[in-house]
C-alpha atoms as a PDB file:
ATOM      1  CA  MET A   1     -58.417 -20.327  31.972  1.00  0.00           C
ATOM      2  CA  GLY A   2     -61.955 -21.227  32.896  1.00  0.00           C
ATOM      3  CA  LEU A   3     -64.419 -24.066  32.463  1.00  0.00           C
ATOM      4  CA  PHE A   4     -67.406 -23.427  30.202  1.00  0.00           C
ATOM      5  CA  GLY A   5     -70.504 -25.179  28.918  1.00  0.00           C
ATOM      6  CA  SER A   6     -73.168 -24.173  26.446  1.00  0.00           C
ATOM      7  CA  THR A   7     -76.400 -22.860  27.905  1.00  0.00           C
ATOM      8  CA  GLY A   8     -78.301 -25.750  26.273  1.00  0.00           C
ATOM      9  CA  TYR A   9     -75.964 -28.353  27.749  1.00  0.00           C
ATOM     10  CA  LEU A  10     -76.207 -26.771  31.211  1.00  0.00           C
ATOM     11  CA  ASP A  11     -80.019 -26.544  30.958  1.00  0.00           C
ATOM     12  CA  ARG A  12     -80.077 -30.314  30.313  1.00  0.00           C
ATOM     13  CA  THR A  13     -77.482 -31.412  32.864  1.00  0.00           C
ATOM     14  CA  GLY A  14     -77.422 -28.747  35.557  1.00  0.00           C
ATOM     15  CA  ARG A  15     -74.901 -26.096  36.470  1.00  0.00           C
ATOM     16  CA  PRO A  16     -71.983 -27.480  38.463  1.00  0.00           C
ATOM     17  CA  ALA A  17     -70.617 -25.150  41.115  1.00  0.00           C
ATOM     18  CA  THR A  18     -67.982 -27.324  42.791  1.00  0.00           C
ATOM     19  CA  LEU A  19     -65.351 -29.857  41.814  1.00  0.00           C
ATOM     20  CA  ASP A  20     -67.577 -32.695  43.052  1.00  0.00           C
ATOM     21  CA  ASP A  21     -70.504 -31.415  40.936  1.00  0.00           C
ATOM     22  CA  LEU A  22     -68.371 -31.870  37.811  1.00  0.00           C
ATOM     23  CA  ARG A  23     -68.039 -35.636  38.140  1.00  0.00           C
ATOM     24  CA  GLY A  24     -71.290 -36.462  36.344  1.00  0.00           C
ATOM     25  CA  HIS A  25     -70.675 -34.184  33.375  1.00  0.00           C
ATOM     26  CA  ASP A  26     -69.330 -34.852  29.904  1.00  0.00           C
ATOM     27  CA  PHE A  27     -66.086 -33.130  28.924  1.00  0.00           C
ATOM     28  CA  VAL A  28     -64.559 -32.191  25.602  1.00  0.00           C
ATOM     29  CA  GLY A  29     -60.888 -33.176  25.589  1.00  0.00           C
ATOM     30  CA  TYR A  30     -57.866 -33.149  23.367  1.00  0.00           C
ATOM     31  CA  ASP A  31     -57.175 -36.140  21.179  1.00  0.00           C
ATOM     32  CA  THR A  32     -53.375 -36.392  21.137  1.00  0.00           C
ATOM     33  CA  SER A  33     -52.311 -33.759  23.680  1.00  0.00           C
ATOM     34  CA  ASP A  34     -52.373 -34.827  27.334  1.00  0.00           C
ATOM     35  CA  LEU A  35     -52.567 -31.267  28.695  1.00  0.00           C
ATOM     36  CA  ILE A  36     -56.136 -31.572  30.018  1.00  0.00           C
ATOM     37  CA  ILE A  37     -55.516 -35.090  31.313  1.00  0.00           C
ATOM     38  CA  ARG A  38     -52.489 -33.915  33.328  1.00  0.00           C
ATOM     39  CA  GLY A  39     -54.484 -31.008  34.718  1.00  0.00           C
ATOM     40  CA  MET A  40     -57.379 -33.228  35.756  1.00  0.00           C
ATOM     41  CA  ARG A  41     -55.040 -35.747  37.344  1.00  0.00           C
ATOM     42  CA  ALA A  42     -53.611 -32.904  39.416  1.00  0.00           C
ATOM     43  CA  PHE A  43     -57.143 -32.594  40.878  1.00  0.00           C
ATOM     44  CA  GLY A  44     -57.040 -36.297  41.730  1.00  0.00           C
ATOM     45  CA  TRP A  45     -59.237 -37.459  38.852  1.00  0.00           C
ATOM     46  CA  GLN A  46     -58.047 -40.689  37.270  1.00  0.00           C
ATOM     47  CA  VAL A  47     -58.872 -39.940  33.644  1.00  0.00           C
ATOM     48  CA  ASP A  48     -57.411 -41.079  30.386  1.00  0.00           C
ATOM     49  CA  ARG A  49     -57.989 -40.218  26.754  1.00  0.00           C
ATOM     50  CA  ASP A  50     -61.056 -42.450  26.447  1.00  0.00           C
ATOM     51  CA  TRP A  51     -62.772 -40.794  29.424  1.00  0.00           C
ATOM     52  CA  PHE A  52     -63.791 -37.740  27.351  1.00  0.00           C
ATOM     53  CA  ALA A  53     -67.166 -37.692  25.587  1.00  0.00           C
ATOM     54  CA  VAL A  54     -65.512 -36.230  22.496  1.00  0.00           C
ATOM     55  CA  ARG A  55     -61.918 -35.275  21.631  1.00  0.00           C
ATOM     56  CA  CYS A  56     -60.383 -32.833  19.203  1.00  0.00           C
ATOM     57  CA  ASP A  57     -56.958 -31.180  18.883  1.00  0.00           C
ATOM     58  CA  HIS A  58     -58.059 -28.304  16.635  1.00  0.00           C
ATOM     59  CA  GLN A  59     -58.673 -25.309  18.915  1.00  0.00           C
ATOM     60  CA  THR A  60     -61.499 -23.787  16.870  1.00  0.00           C
ATOM     61  CA  ALA A  61     -63.275 -27.121  16.447  1.00  0.00           C
ATOM     62  CA  TYR A  62     -62.758 -27.854  20.170  1.00  0.00           C
ATOM     63  CA  TRP A  63     -64.484 -24.617  21.125  1.00  0.00           C
ATOM     64  CA  GLU A  64     -67.307 -25.221  18.645  1.00  0.00           C
ATOM     65  CA  LEU A  65     -67.888 -28.647  20.249  1.00  0.00           C
ATOM     66  CA  VAL A  66     -68.267 -26.928  23.625  1.00  0.00           C
ATOM     67  CA  ARG A  67     -70.581 -24.308  22.113  1.00  0.00           C
ATOM     68  CA  ALA A  68     -72.647 -27.062  20.452  1.00  0.00           C
ATOM     69  CA  GLY A  69     -73.308 -28.707  23.816  1.00  0.00           C
ATOM     70  CA  CYS A  70     -71.068 -31.762  23.533  1.00  0.00           C
ATOM     71  CA  GLY A  71     -69.714 -31.233  27.044  1.00  0.00           C
ATOM     72  CA  LEU A  72     -67.789 -28.887  29.275  1.00  0.00           C
ATOM     73  CA  GLY A  73     -64.512 -27.475  28.026  1.00  0.00           C
ATOM     74  CA  PHE A  74     -61.678 -25.176  28.976  1.00  0.00           C
ATOM     75  CA  CYS A  75     -61.105 -21.780  27.395  1.00  0.00           C
ATOM     76  CA  GLN A  76     -59.420 -18.488  28.129  1.00  0.00           C
ATOM     77  CA  VAL A  77     -61.828 -16.577  30.349  1.00  0.00           C
ATOM     78  CA  GLY A  78     -61.661 -13.456  28.180  1.00  0.00           C
ATOM     79  CA  THR A  79     -62.929 -15.427  25.201  1.00  0.00           C
ATOM     80  CA  GLY A  80     -65.418 -17.599  27.050  1.00  0.00           C
ATOM     81  CA  ARG A  81     -67.029 -14.778  28.987  1.00  0.00           C
ATOM     82  CA  ARG A  82     -67.681 -12.827  25.775  1.00  0.00           C
ATOM     83  CA  ASP A  83     -69.403 -15.772  24.077  1.00  0.00           C
ATOM     84  CA  PRO A  84     -73.190 -15.527  24.570  1.00  0.00           C
ATOM     85  CA  GLN A  85     -73.679 -19.252  23.864  1.00  0.00           C
ATOM     86  CA  VAL A  86     -71.701 -20.452  26.881  1.00  0.00           C
ATOM     87  CA  GLU A  87     -71.598 -19.962  30.637  1.00  0.00           C
ATOM     88  CA  GLU A  88     -68.657 -20.264  32.959  1.00  0.00           C
ATOM     89  CA  VAL A  89     -69.109 -23.005  35.552  1.00  0.00           C
ATOM     90  CA  ALA A  90     -67.327 -23.816  38.817  1.00  0.00           C
ATOM     91  CA  GLN A  91     -65.699 -20.384  38.791  1.00  0.00           C
ATOM     92  CA  ASN A  92     -63.653 -21.120  41.907  1.00  0.00           C
ATOM     93  CA  LEU A  93     -61.982 -24.075  40.201  1.00  0.00           C
ATOM     94  CA  PRO A  94     -58.199 -23.602  40.473  1.00  0.00           C
ATOM     95  CA  VAL A  95     -57.413 -23.956  36.763  1.00  0.00           C
ATOM     96  CA  PRO A  96     -53.725 -23.236  36.082  1.00  0.00           C
ATOM     97  CA  ALA A  97     -52.800 -20.169  34.057  1.00  0.00           C
ATOM     98  CA  LEU A  98     -51.316 -20.511  30.602  1.00  0.00           C
ATOM     99  CA  PRO A  99     -47.804 -19.230  29.922  1.00  0.00           C
ATOM    100  CA  VAL A 100     -47.499 -16.232  27.603  1.00  0.00           C
ATOM    101  CA  TRP A 101     -44.483 -15.579  25.389  1.00  0.00           C
ATOM    102  CA  LEU A 102     -43.461 -12.476  23.525  1.00  0.00           C
ATOM    103  CA  SER A 103     -40.926 -13.304  20.863  1.00  0.00           C
ATOM    104  CA  ALA A 104     -39.139 -11.712  17.961  1.00  0.00           C
ATOM    105  CA  HIS A 105     -35.912 -12.334  16.172  1.00  0.00           C
ATOM    106  CA  GLU A 106     -33.023 -10.773  18.101  1.00  0.00           C
ATOM    107  CA  LYS A 107     -31.958  -8.599  15.147  1.00  0.00           C
ATOM    108  CA  MET A 108     -35.482  -7.191  14.881  1.00  0.00           C
ATOM    109  CA  ARG A 109     -35.272  -5.953  18.464  1.00  0.00           C
ATOM    110  CA  GLN A 110     -32.173  -3.884  17.600  1.00  0.00           C
ATOM    111  CA  SER A 111     -34.317  -1.557  15.497  1.00  0.00           C
ATOM    112  CA  PRO A 112     -35.347   1.468  17.612  1.00  0.00           C
ATOM    113  CA  ARG A 113     -38.936   1.341  16.318  1.00  0.00           C
ATOM    114  CA  ILE A 114     -39.296  -2.375  16.974  1.00  0.00           C
ATOM    115  CA  SER A 115     -37.616  -2.006  20.361  1.00  0.00           C
ATOM    116  CA  ARG A 116     -40.097   0.694  21.359  1.00  0.00           C
ATOM    117  CA  VAL A 117     -43.078  -1.405  20.285  1.00  0.00           C
ATOM    118  CA  TRP A 118     -41.545  -4.431  22.036  1.00  0.00           C
ATOM    119  CA  ASP A 119     -41.159  -2.533  25.302  1.00  0.00           C
ATOM    120  CA  HIS A 120     -44.748  -1.285  25.085  1.00  0.00           C
ATOM    121  CA  LEU A 121     -46.105  -4.780  24.378  1.00  0.00           C
ATOM    122  CA  ALA A 122     -44.059  -6.320  27.177  1.00  0.00           C
ATOM    123  CA  GLY A 123     -45.345  -3.796  29.695  1.00  0.00           C
ATOM    124  CA  SER A 124     -48.943  -4.078  28.508  1.00  0.00           C
ATOM    125  CA  LEU A 125     -48.857  -7.878  28.520  1.00  0.00           C
ATOM    126  CA  MET A 126     -47.540  -7.935  32.084  1.00  0.00           C
ATOM    127  CA  THR A 127     -50.513  -5.804  33.138  1.00  0.00           C
ATOM    128  CA  ALA A 128     -53.008  -7.878  31.145  1.00  0.00           C
ATOM    129  CA  VAL A 129     -51.925 -11.319  32.327  1.00  0.00           C
ATOM    130  CA  SER A 130     -51.166 -10.460  35.952  1.00  0.00           C
END
């Protein structure tokens, strides 16, 4: 995970490089989920739902709000770094990693073809997320 802002937003407000630099910036948050709030509180920030400039629970709309310049927002670094409309900020920020699950119905995994694909995916995912 990384923290991103649109180039237009960062041109207007400046490019934060440290945790302290972030304090004057607007953030896009979730509306009903407290995931971002819990993460920010772990950094010692006393935030609540109303602290965010704008909130949205829909992942695509959330990202579009960040891209539109409504504030800084969190995204998977692979996605954010490929988006030409945003820049990663405060790259040394210790943002926690997201868990990754690989799942399939148990009976599906008994098929030799599915089992082989499963084993390949499991090995590749371990390499990709490590």
